[in-house]
Amino acid sequence: MSFQGERQIPLSYGNQIGREMDNKPPQDQRDQSRALERSALIVATLTSFMGPFMMSSVNVALPKIQTELQMDAVQLSWIATAYLLAVAVGLVPAGKIADIHGRKKIFALGLAVYTVGSFSAAFVDSAAMLVGFRVVQGLGASMFVTTGMAILTSIFPPNRRGRAIGLYASAVYVGLSTGPFLGGLMTHYLGWRSIFMLMLPFGLFSLLITFHYLKGEWRGEPDQKLDIGGCLLYGCSILALVYGATRLPEQLGVVLLLAGAVLLVVFFRYQLRARFPVFDVILFTVNKPFTFSSMAALLNYSTTFSVTFLMSLYLQYIKGLEPQTAGTVLMVQPVMMAILSPITGKLADRIEPRLLATTGMTCTVIGVLLFSQIDQGTSIYLIIANLFFMGTGFALFSSPNMIAIMGTVQPRYYGLASGTVSTMRLLGQMASMAIATVVLALIVGREVITPDKYDLFLRSTRIVFTISAVLCTTGIYFSWFRGSVLRSDNSSS
């Protein structure tokens, strides 16, 4: 049993806007619906850009932040970790609350919280305050990330949904690719606080579009209640898993990961009995396309996220490139993702998403296997070509797989499905970094990578990429055998 692209009536444009359109001539209905689609696409893509841009640009500013706020290495790592933890804990509960009370309300609330947290972070005078406002940012981001995709899916009919989701995904990669460059310029000429201030005009503009042009409201399950116990269990399990991954290979990290896994099992069993589950886990048991697409996403991100981290170290240590030059080389991959994601999303409107996504994962496996053979003599041009190839593969996978996940659930589950996509991405990213961290710690040790350690570093890199290739090959299975999505989705439209 699976739910294939059923849409709200009328025309999935929201309860309020639908009633208004019933009384308008057909041409006016079409014009109003297209205007609504444009407004939703603008605000959703802008917010999907904001989070990745902030993450990647702040990473460039870390040395300046460390000097000004007198932060040690552990405190500095919490600038990123606190944000990721807050996003991870908030995603699924935010999606459920949005399904109950209205996705536009939670989207706007998330934008407001994120904007306030960002602007406030520009005026901190201590490490604790900065980390605290990063938590506020993360909670706000969890609200607009999980609802932005749900609103797009609610508004766009299946035959135009692919291009919209492709543009949404493209904005993520534009943020990732431009963040280091623009963040570096802003930090150099305006100071690191200017990065946080930049979110104020972005946030205010997004709120203006949301309230003035995004008419109507979208609810999936207005008659349900929020499962507080389920939210707490989910939050504790994700907190333990994500934070545990950051502490590997220490004993505390292992204990936290095991505790998180146990709590996750308890959470799933609890949700099966809950009257109003915060996460309807029955979707994973009755909806094969949803389950397999989610697993493919988890494994793909577990494979690819550490590529930039490892190749950045390789280019600077082994090849002796300056950070700016290394960053320019590494931009090849996200730039390709940004260019191709709208195209692959549009293709997924006509071509079965599993064919595109599986082709993309196959390209990723080949690319990762090529990197598993890397050594000191590997040509820079070969590295650039492989990053180009892997960027193409990821673009082929990302948008079609997202379309598959959102297209196989009923409209009342859009918030949940969107939260699942983001959670799988985050858990995959953390798993990818955990694998790299553990391998480096076991082989290189917790030491500075000096020339006498280069051989050990290269061995670690090859091992990580080999493990990644195995994970991605497993993901190909889930991607290919998920079943058909496009045929039944279109038939329902």
Protein backbone atom coordinates (compact mmCIF):
# COMPACT_ATOMS: atom_id res chain seq x y z
CA MET A 1 0.00 0.00 0.00
CA SER A 2 1.32 3.43 -0.90
CA PHE A 3 -0.17 6.86 -1.27
CA GLN A 4 0.59 8.22 -4.69
CA GLY A 5 0.33 11.98 -5.06
CA GLU A 6 -3.24 12.49 -3.82
CA ARG A 7 -3.98 16.21 -3.70
CA GLN A 8 -6.09 18.52 -1.62
CA ILE A 9 -9.33 19.85 -3.08
CA PRO A 10 -9.56 22.19 -4.77
CA LEU A 11 -6.37 21.85 -6.81
CA SER A 12 -4.17 21.56 -3.65
CA TYR A 13 -3.85 25.31 -3.36
CA GLY A 14 -4.96 25.41 0.26
CA ASN A 15 -8.36 25.41 1.89
CA GLN A 16 -8.94 29.15 2.03
CA ILE A 17 -7.57 30.06 -1.40
CA GLY A 18 -9.47 27.18 -2.97
CA ARG A 19 -12.82 28.47 -1.77
CA GLU A 20 -12.00 31.92 -3.11
CA MET A 21 -11.04 30.53 -6.50
CA ASP A 22 -14.29 28.58 -6.86
CA ASN A 23 -16.12 31.86 -7.48
CA LYS A 24 -13.66 33.20 -10.08
CA PRO A 25 -13.66 32.66 -13.87
CA PRO A 26 -11.27 29.89 -15.10
CA GLN A 27 -8.73 32.38 -16.47
CA ASP A 28 -8.66 34.29 -13.18
CA GLN A 29 -8.22 31.01 -11.32
CA ARG A 30 -5.25 30.11 -13.51
CA ASP A 31 -3.68 33.55 -13.10
CA GLN A 32 -4.15 33.49 -9.34
CA SER A 33 -2.79 29.99 -9.01
CA ARG A 34 0.30 30.83 -11.08
CA ALA A 35 0.91 33.98 -9.02
CA LEU A 36 0.66 31.87 -5.88
CA GLU A 37 3.13 29.37 -7.33
CA ARG A 38 5.63 32.15 -8.13
CA SER A 39 5.36 33.65 -4.65
CA ALA A 40 5.81 30.28 -2.98
CA LEU A 41 8.79 29.44 -5.18
CA ILE A 42 10.51 32.78 -4.47
CA VAL A 43 10.19 32.57 -0.72
CA ALA A 44 10.96 28.83 -0.51
CA THR A 45 14.10 29.06 -2.66
CA LEU A 46 15.34 32.13 -0.78
CA THR A 47 15.01 30.37 2.57
CA SER A 48 16.63 27.22 1.19
CA PHE A 49 19.58 29.43 0.22
CA MET A 50 19.88 31.19 3.59
CA GLY A 51 20.75 28.20 5.78
CA PRO A 52 23.50 26.65 3.61
CA PHE A 53 24.95 30.10 2.84
CA MET A 54 25.16 30.91 6.54
CA MET A 55 26.77 27.55 7.40
CA SER A 56 29.44 27.70 4.70
CA SER A 57 30.23 31.41 5.14
CA VAL A 58 30.55 31.16 8.93
CA ASN A 59 33.08 28.35 8.49
CA VAL A 60 35.36 30.81 6.67
CA ALA A 61 34.98 33.34 9.50
CA LEU A 62 35.86 30.92 12.33
CA PRO A 63 39.49 32.09 12.77
CA LYS A 64 38.34 35.72 13.15
CA ILE A 65 35.58 34.69 15.56
CA GLN A 66 38.05 32.65 17.59
CA THR A 67 40.42 35.60 17.93
CA GLU A 68 37.80 38.19 18.85
CA LEU A 69 35.79 36.09 21.31
CA GLN A 70 38.79 34.19 22.72
CA MET A 71 37.27 30.78 21.98
CA ASP A 72 39.12 27.49 22.32
CA ALA A 73 38.88 24.73 19.71
CA VAL A 74 36.00 22.92 21.45
CA GLN A 75 33.94 26.10 21.78
CA LEU A 76 34.65 26.92 18.15
CA SER A 77 33.33 23.54 17.00
CA TRP A 78 30.07 24.25 18.83
CA ILE A 79 29.31 27.16 16.50
CA ALA A 80 28.45 24.59 13.84
CA THR A 81 27.40 21.73 16.13
CA ALA A 82 24.84 23.77 18.08
CA TYR A 83 23.12 24.84 14.87
CA LEU A 84 23.02 21.29 13.47
CA LEU A 85 21.70 19.84 16.72
CA ALA A 86 18.90 22.41 16.93
CA VAL A 87 17.88 21.77 13.32
CA ALA A 88 17.96 18.00 13.80
CA VAL A 89 15.85 18.06 16.97
CA GLY A 90 13.30 20.52 15.57
CA LEU A 91 12.63 19.14 12.09
CA VAL A 92 10.03 16.42 12.65
CA PRO A 93 8.10 18.12 15.50
CA ALA A 94 7.97 21.32 13.43
CA GLY A 95 6.57 19.41 10.46
CA LYS A 96 3.87 17.84 12.63
CA ILE A 97 2.93 21.15 14.26
CA ALA A 98 2.68 22.69 10.78
CA ASP A 99 0.39 19.90 9.58
CA ILE A 100 -1.91 20.58 12.55
CA HIS A 101 -1.89 24.38 12.83
CA GLY A 102 -0.94 25.48 9.33
CA ARG A 103 2.26 25.30 7.32
CA LYS A 104 2.36 28.98 6.41
CA LYS A 105 2.08 29.99 10.08
CA ILE A 106 5.00 27.76 11.13
CA PHE A 107 7.00 28.79 8.05
CA ALA A 108 6.60 32.47 8.93
CA LEU A 109 7.31 31.83 12.62
CA GLY A 110 10.49 29.96 11.70
CA LEU A 111 11.60 32.84 9.47
CA ALA A 112 11.03 35.32 12.28
CA VAL A 113 12.89 33.20 14.86
CA TYR A 114 15.80 32.63 12.45
CA THR A 115 16.04 36.31 11.53
CA VAL A 116 16.00 37.42 15.19
CA GLY A 117 18.60 34.80 16.12
CA SER A 118 20.85 35.78 13.21
CA PHE A 119 20.70 39.51 13.83
CA SER A 120 21.20 39.06 17.57
CA ALA A 121 24.29 36.91 16.94
CA ALA A 122 25.93 39.93 15.30
CA PHE A 123 26.07 41.73 18.67
CA VAL A 124 27.34 39.00 21.00
CA ASP A 125 30.32 39.55 23.28
CA SER A 126 30.93 35.98 24.46
CA ALA A 127 31.23 32.44 23.09
CA ALA A 128 28.22 31.26 25.13
CA MET A 129 25.97 33.95 23.66
CA LEU A 130 27.04 33.13 20.11
CA VAL A 131 26.40 29.40 20.61
CA GLY A 132 23.03 30.22 22.20
CA PHE A 133 21.90 32.32 19.25
CA ARG A 134 23.11 29.58 16.88
CA VAL A 135 20.62 27.30 18.67
CA VAL A 136 17.89 29.91 18.06
CA GLN A 137 18.91 30.03 14.40
CA GLY A 138 18.73 26.24 14.16
CA LEU A 139 15.27 26.05 15.69
CA GLY A 140 14.01 28.71 13.30
CA ALA A 141 15.61 26.96 10.34
CA SER A 142 13.99 23.64 11.31
CA MET A 143 10.58 25.33 11.05
CA PHE A 144 10.98 26.90 7.62
CA VAL A 145 13.01 24.04 6.12
CA THR A 146 10.42 21.38 6.89
CA THR A 147 7.46 23.55 5.84
CA GLY A 148 8.95 25.19 2.74
CA MET A 149 9.07 21.94 0.81
CA ALA A 150 5.61 20.94 2.10
CA ILE A 151 4.10 24.24 0.89
CA LEU A 152 5.69 23.86 -2.55
CA THR A 153 4.35 20.33 -2.85
CA SER A 154 0.88 21.46 -1.74
CA ILE A 155 0.74 24.31 -4.26
CA PHE A 156 2.39 22.85 -7.37
CA PRO A 157 0.48 20.11 -9.20
CA PRO A 158 2.50 16.96 -10.05
CA ASN A 159 3.12 17.92 -13.68
CA ARG A 160 4.93 21.15 -12.61
CA ARG A 161 6.29 20.04 -9.25
CA GLY A 162 9.62 18.70 -10.51
CA ARG A 163 10.95 22.01 -11.79
CA ALA A 164 9.93 23.78 -8.57
CA ILE A 165 11.67 21.21 -6.38
CA GLY A 166 14.70 21.35 -8.68
CA LEU A 167 14.98 25.12 -8.19
CA TYR A 168 14.52 24.66 -4.45
CA ALA A 169 17.40 22.15 -4.37
CA SER A 170 19.51 24.35 -6.63
CA ALA A 171 19.25 27.23 -4.15
CA VAL A 172 20.80 24.99 -1.47
CA TYR A 173 23.86 24.38 -3.65
CA VAL A 174 24.11 28.04 -4.65
CA GLY A 175 24.28 28.86 -0.94
CA LEU A 176 26.94 26.22 -0.32
CA SER A 177 29.07 27.33 -3.28
CA THR A 178 28.85 31.11 -2.77
CA GLY A 179 29.09 31.06 1.03
CA PRO A 180 32.87 30.60 1.33
CA PHE A 181 33.65 33.25 -1.31
CA LEU A 182 31.19 35.94 -0.19
CA GLY A 183 31.70 35.08 3.47
CA GLY A 184 35.44 35.52 3.05
CA LEU A 185 35.00 38.91 1.37
CA MET A 186 32.55 40.13 4.01
CA THR A 187 34.75 38.92 6.86
CA HIS A 188 37.80 40.62 5.36
CA TYR A 189 36.23 43.99 4.57
CA LEU A 190 33.24 44.25 6.96
CA GLY A 191 34.03 41.83 9.77
CA TRP A 192 32.47 38.47 10.65
CA ARG A 193 29.43 40.08 12.28
CA SER A 194 28.29 41.33 8.87
CA ILE A 195 27.48 37.74 7.83
CA PHE A 196 24.87 37.48 10.57
CA MET A 197 23.53 40.97 9.81
CA LEU A 198 22.98 39.99 6.17
CA MET A 199 20.23 37.60 7.25
CA LEU A 200 18.09 40.55 8.41
CA PRO A 201 17.18 41.88 4.93
CA PHE A 202 16.83 38.31 3.62
CA GLY A 203 14.51 37.39 6.47
CA LEU A 204 12.41 40.56 6.29
CA PHE A 205 12.00 40.24 2.51
CA SER A 206 10.92 36.60 2.88
CA LEU A 207 8.39 37.53 5.56
CA LEU A 208 7.01 40.30 3.32
CA ILE A 209 6.49 37.85 0.45
CA THR A 210 4.97 35.28 2.80
CA PHE A 211 2.38 37.58 4.36
CA HIS A 212 1.59 39.76 1.36
CA TYR A 213 1.62 37.34 -1.58
CA LEU A 214 1.39 33.81 -0.17
CA LYS A 215 -2.39 33.81 0.29
CA GLY A 216 -4.18 30.92 1.96
CA GLU A 217 -3.18 28.27 4.46
CA TRP A 218 -2.27 24.60 4.18
CA ARG A 219 -3.05 22.03 6.84
CA GLY A 220 -2.61 18.28 6.68
CA GLU A 221 -4.10 17.07 9.97
CA PRO A 222 -6.01 19.88 11.70
CA ASP A 223 -7.99 17.51 13.96
CA GLN A 224 -4.95 15.93 15.62
CA LYS A 225 -3.02 16.86 18.76
CA LEU A 226 0.72 17.18 19.27
CA ASP A 227 2.30 14.10 20.86
CA ILE A 228 4.55 15.70 23.51
CA GLY A 229 5.95 12.36 24.67
CA GLY A 230 6.86 11.41 21.12
CA CYS A 231 8.55 14.80 20.59
CA LEU A 232 10.69 14.30 23.70
CA LEU A 233 11.70 10.77 22.72
CA TYR A 234 12.52 11.88 19.19
CA GLY A 235 14.50 14.89 20.39
CA CYS A 236 16.54 12.86 22.88
CA SER A 237 17.32 10.13 20.34
CA ILE A 238 18.41 12.57 17.62
CA LEU A 239 20.37 14.63 20.17
CA ALA A 240 22.28 11.55 21.30
CA LEU A 241 22.93 10.35 17.74
CA VAL A 242 24.10 13.68 16.34
CA TYR A 243 26.15 14.75 19.35
CA GLY A 244 27.55 11.23 19.71
CA ALA A 245 28.75 11.37 16.11
CA THR A 246 30.66 14.58 16.86
CA ARG A 247 32.48 12.91 19.79
CA LEU A 248 33.70 9.80 17.96
CA PRO A 249 35.90 7.84 18.43
CA GLU A 250 35.84 8.75 22.13
CA GLN A 251 34.06 6.34 24.48
CA LEU A 252 31.42 8.99 25.19
CA GLY A 253 30.63 9.15 21.48
CA VAL A 254 30.14 5.39 21.26
CA VAL A 255 27.90 5.38 24.37
CA LEU A 256 25.80 8.25 23.04
CA LEU A 257 25.38 6.58 19.65
CA LEU A 258 24.23 3.34 21.26
CA ALA A 259 21.87 5.24 23.56
CA GLY A 260 20.51 7.19 20.60
CA ALA A 261 19.90 3.99 18.63
CA VAL A 262 18.05 2.41 21.58
CA LEU A 263 15.94 5.53 22.08
CA LEU A 264 15.13 5.60 18.37
CA VAL A 265 13.81 2.01 18.57
CA VAL A 266 11.75 2.95 21.64
CA PHE A 267 10.44 5.99 19.77
CA PHE A 268 9.34 3.91 16.79
CA ARG A 269 7.56 1.37 19.01
CA TYR A 270 5.90 4.17 20.97
CA GLN A 271 4.71 5.86 17.78
CA LEU A 272 3.03 2.66 16.59
CA ARG A 273 0.77 2.78 19.67
CA ALA A 274 0.32 6.55 19.91
CA ARG A 275 -3.13 7.96 19.09
CA PHE A 276 -1.66 11.08 17.50
CA PRO A 277 1.91 10.13 16.51
CA VAL A 278 4.35 12.96 15.87
CA PHE A 279 5.94 10.71 13.25
CA ASP A 280 3.57 8.28 11.55
CA VAL A 281 6.05 5.40 11.33
CA ILE A 282 3.44 3.24 9.63
CA LEU A 283 4.51 5.05 6.44
CA PHE A 284 7.75 3.08 6.60
CA THR A 285 5.87 -0.23 6.84
CA VAL A 286 3.15 0.29 4.23
CA ASN A 287 4.72 2.73 1.76
CA LYS A 288 7.68 1.06 0.04
CA PRO A 289 8.55 3.97 -2.33
CA PHE A 290 8.67 6.36 0.64
CA THR A 291 10.80 4.01 2.74
CA PHE A 292 13.26 3.08 -0.01
CA SER A 293 13.58 6.70 -1.21
CA SER A 294 14.33 7.82 2.35
CA MET A 295 16.97 5.10 2.76
CA ALA A 296 18.53 6.08 -0.57
CA ALA A 297 18.77 9.69 0.63
CA LEU A 298 20.37 8.64 3.92
CA LEU A 299 22.99 6.50 2.19
CA ASN A 300 23.72 9.06 -0.52
CA TYR A 301 24.43 11.82 2.00
CA SER A 302 26.43 9.36 4.11
CA THR A 303 28.61 8.89 1.03
CA THR A 304 29.07 12.41 -0.28
CA PHE A 305 29.20 14.91 2.59
CA SER A 306 32.79 14.17 3.68
CA VAL A 307 34.13 14.56 0.13
CA THR A 308 34.57 18.34 0.47
CA PHE A 309 36.18 17.98 3.91
CA LEU A 310 38.72 15.35 2.82
CA MET A 311 39.50 16.91 -0.55
CA SER A 312 40.00 20.32 1.08
CA LEU A 313 42.66 18.80 3.34
CA TYR A 314 44.17 16.87 0.42
CA LEU A 315 44.46 19.93 -1.81
CA GLN A 316 46.05 22.06 0.92
CA TYR A 317 48.31 19.45 2.56
CA ILE A 318 49.27 17.15 -0.29
CA LYS A 319 49.05 19.56 -3.23
CA GLY A 320 50.14 22.65 -1.32
CA LEU A 321 47.33 24.90 -2.57
CA GLU A 322 46.31 28.06 -0.77
CA PRO A 323 42.89 27.89 0.98
CA GLN A 324 41.32 30.26 -1.56
CA THR A 325 42.60 28.19 -4.50
CA ALA A 326 41.48 24.95 -2.88
CA GLY A 327 38.05 26.46 -2.28
CA THR A 328 37.82 27.48 -5.92
CA VAL A 329 38.59 23.91 -7.03
CA LEU A 330 35.99 22.48 -4.63
CA MET A 331 33.32 24.89 -5.92
CA VAL A 332 33.10 22.77 -9.09
CA GLN A 333 30.87 20.21 -7.41
CA PRO A 334 28.21 22.50 -5.83
CA VAL A 335 28.17 24.72 -8.92
CA MET A 336 27.31 21.71 -11.07
CA MET A 337 24.58 20.77 -8.57
CA ALA A 338 23.15 24.30 -8.69
CA ILE A 339 23.13 24.39 -12.51
CA LEU A 340 21.72 20.92 -13.10
CA SER A 341 19.21 20.48 -10.24
CA PRO A 342 16.43 22.54 -11.89
CA ILE A 343 17.00 20.60 -15.12
CA THR A 344 16.87 17.18 -13.47
CA GLY A 345 13.83 18.25 -11.47
CA LYS A 346 12.03 19.20 -14.67
CA LEU A 347 13.09 15.91 -16.28
CA ALA A 348 11.60 14.05 -13.31
CA ASP A 349 8.20 15.45 -14.33
CA ARG A 350 8.43 13.25 -17.45
CA ILE A 351 10.97 10.51 -16.65
CA GLU A 352 10.53 8.03 -13.82
CA PRO A 353 12.44 9.55 -10.83
CA ARG A 354 14.01 6.24 -9.84
CA LEU A 355 15.76 6.02 -13.22
CA LEU A 356 17.33 9.47 -12.82
CA ALA A 357 18.15 9.00 -9.13
CA THR A 358 19.69 5.56 -9.65
CA THR A 359 21.79 6.88 -12.53
CA GLY A 360 22.96 9.67 -10.24
CA MET A 361 23.91 7.27 -7.45
CA THR A 362 25.80 5.11 -9.93
CA CYS A 363 27.79 8.16 -11.03
CA THR A 364 28.52 8.89 -7.36
CA VAL A 365 29.81 5.35 -6.77
CA ILE A 366 32.15 5.66 -9.76
CA GLY A 367 33.38 9.07 -8.59
CA VAL A 368 34.01 7.91 -5.03
CA LEU A 369 35.84 4.80 -6.28
CA LEU A 370 38.09 7.04 -8.40
CA PHE A 371 38.89 9.13 -5.32
CA SER A 372 39.67 5.92 -3.39
CA GLN A 373 42.73 5.54 -5.67
CA ILE A 374 44.05 9.03 -4.98
CA ASP A 375 47.74 9.57 -4.20
CA GLN A 376 50.32 12.36 -4.18
CA GLY A 377 50.73 12.25 -7.95
CA THR A 378 47.04 12.54 -8.84
CA SER A 379 46.52 15.37 -11.32
CA ILE A 380 44.56 18.46 -10.25
CA TYR A 381 42.75 18.30 -13.58
CA LEU A 382 41.63 14.74 -12.85
CA ILE A 383 40.35 15.87 -9.46
CA ILE A 384 38.41 18.75 -11.06
CA ALA A 385 36.97 16.38 -13.69
CA ASN A 386 35.87 13.93 -11.01
CA LEU A 387 34.28 16.67 -8.91
CA PHE A 388 32.45 17.79 -12.06
CA PHE A 389 31.30 14.18 -12.60
CA MET A 390 30.20 13.72 -8.97
CA GLY A 391 28.34 17.04 -9.02
CA THR A 392 26.43 15.83 -12.06
CA GLY A 393 25.64 12.54 -10.32
CA PHE A 394 24.38 14.26 -7.18
CA ALA A 395 22.18 16.60 -9.22
CA LEU A 396 20.68 13.60 -11.00
CA PHE A 397 19.91 12.02 -7.63
CA SER A 398 18.83 14.86 -5.36
CA SER A 399 15.80 16.50 -7.00
CA PRO A 400 14.25 13.29 -8.45
CA ASN A 401 14.64 11.50 -5.12
CA MET A 402 13.01 14.41 -3.29
CA ILE A 403 10.18 14.37 -5.82
CA ALA A 404 9.76 10.63 -5.23
CA ILE A 405 9.49 11.09 -1.46
CA MET A 406 7.00 13.97 -1.66
CA GLY A 407 4.99 12.33 -4.45
CA THR A 408 4.29 9.07 -2.62
CA VAL A 409 2.41 10.44 0.39
CA GLN A 410 -1.00 11.98 0.91
CA PRO A 411 -1.18 15.78 1.28
CA ARG A 412 -1.80 15.44 5.02
CA TYR A 413 1.69 13.90 5.32
CA TYR A 414 3.57 16.59 3.36
CA GLY A 415 4.98 18.20 6.50
CA LEU A 416 6.09 14.83 7.84
CA ALA A 417 7.64 13.81 4.50
CA SER A 418 9.49 17.11 4.19
CA GLY A 419 10.83 16.72 7.72
CA THR A 420 11.92 13.17 6.87
CA VAL A 421 13.87 14.38 3.82
CA SER A 422 15.72 16.97 5.91
CA THR A 423 16.33 14.55 8.78
CA MET A 424 17.76 11.90 6.46
CA ARG A 425 20.02 14.52 4.90
CA LEU A 426 21.28 15.71 8.28
CA LEU A 427 21.80 12.21 9.71
CA GLY A 428 23.59 11.19 6.51
CA GLN A 429 25.87 14.22 6.69
CA MET A 430 26.71 13.49 10.32
CA ALA A 431 27.32 9.80 9.52
CA SER A 432 29.65 10.78 6.68
CA MET A 433 31.69 13.05 8.92
CA ALA A 434 31.68 10.45 11.71
CA ILE A 435 33.18 7.86 9.37
CA ALA A 436 35.89 10.28 8.27
CA THR A 437 36.60 11.37 11.85
CA VAL A 438 36.91 7.82 13.19
CA VAL A 439 39.16 6.63 10.36
CA LEU A 440 41.46 9.67 10.68
CA ALA A 441 41.62 9.29 14.46
CA LEU A 442 42.46 5.58 14.25
CA ILE A 443 45.14 5.91 11.55
CA VAL A 444 46.55 9.43 11.84
CA GLY A 445 45.66 10.03 15.49
CA ARG A 446 44.59 13.28 17.14
CA GLU A 447 47.62 15.15 15.87
CA VAL A 448 48.36 17.93 13.43
CA ILE A 449 48.80 16.58 9.89
CA THR A 450 52.49 17.24 9.22
CA PRO A 451 54.52 16.08 6.18
CA ASP A 452 55.59 12.92 8.02
CA LYS A 453 51.89 12.06 8.43
CA TYR A 454 50.94 12.56 4.78
CA ASP A 455 51.14 8.86 3.90
CA LEU A 456 48.84 8.01 6.84
CA PHE A 457 46.45 10.75 5.79
CA LEU A 458 46.31 9.41 2.22
CA ARG A 459 45.67 5.90 3.53
CA SER A 460 42.84 7.22 5.71
CA THR A 461 41.34 9.10 2.77
CA ARG A 462 41.37 6.00 0.57
CA ILE A 463 39.71 3.93 3.32
CA VAL A 464 36.96 6.52 3.85
CA PHE A 465 36.20 6.69 0.13
CA THR A 466 36.13 2.88 -0.10
CA ILE A 467 33.62 2.68 2.76
CA SER A 468 31.60 5.43 1.09
CA ALA A 469 31.51 3.49 -2.19
CA VAL A 470 30.12 0.44 -0.38
CA LEU A 471 27.41 2.55 1.29
CA CYS A 472 26.44 4.21 -1.97
CA THR A 473 26.29 0.85 -3.77
CA THR A 474 23.80 -0.26 -1.11
CA GLY A 475 21.88 2.94 -1.80
CA ILE A 476 21.60 1.97 -5.48
CA TYR A 477 19.58 -1.07 -4.41
CA PHE A 478 17.07 1.06 -2.48
CA SER A 479 16.89 3.63 -5.27
CA TRP A 480 16.22 1.11 -8.04
CA PHE A 481 13.79 -1.16 -6.19
CA ARG A 482 11.65 1.61 -4.68
CA GLY A 483 9.00 1.04 -7.35
CA SER A 484 7.36 3.40 -9.82
CA VAL A 485 6.43 6.89 -8.69
CA LEU A 486 5.76 9.05 -11.77
CA ARG A 487 3.19 6.83 -13.43
CA SER A 488 0.84 6.60 -10.49
CA ASP A 489 1.44 10.22 -9.48
CA ASN A 490 0.45 11.51 -12.88
CA SER A 491 -2.48 9.21 -13.09
CA SER A 492 -3.87 10.72 -9.93
CA SER A 493 -3.61 14.20 -11.28
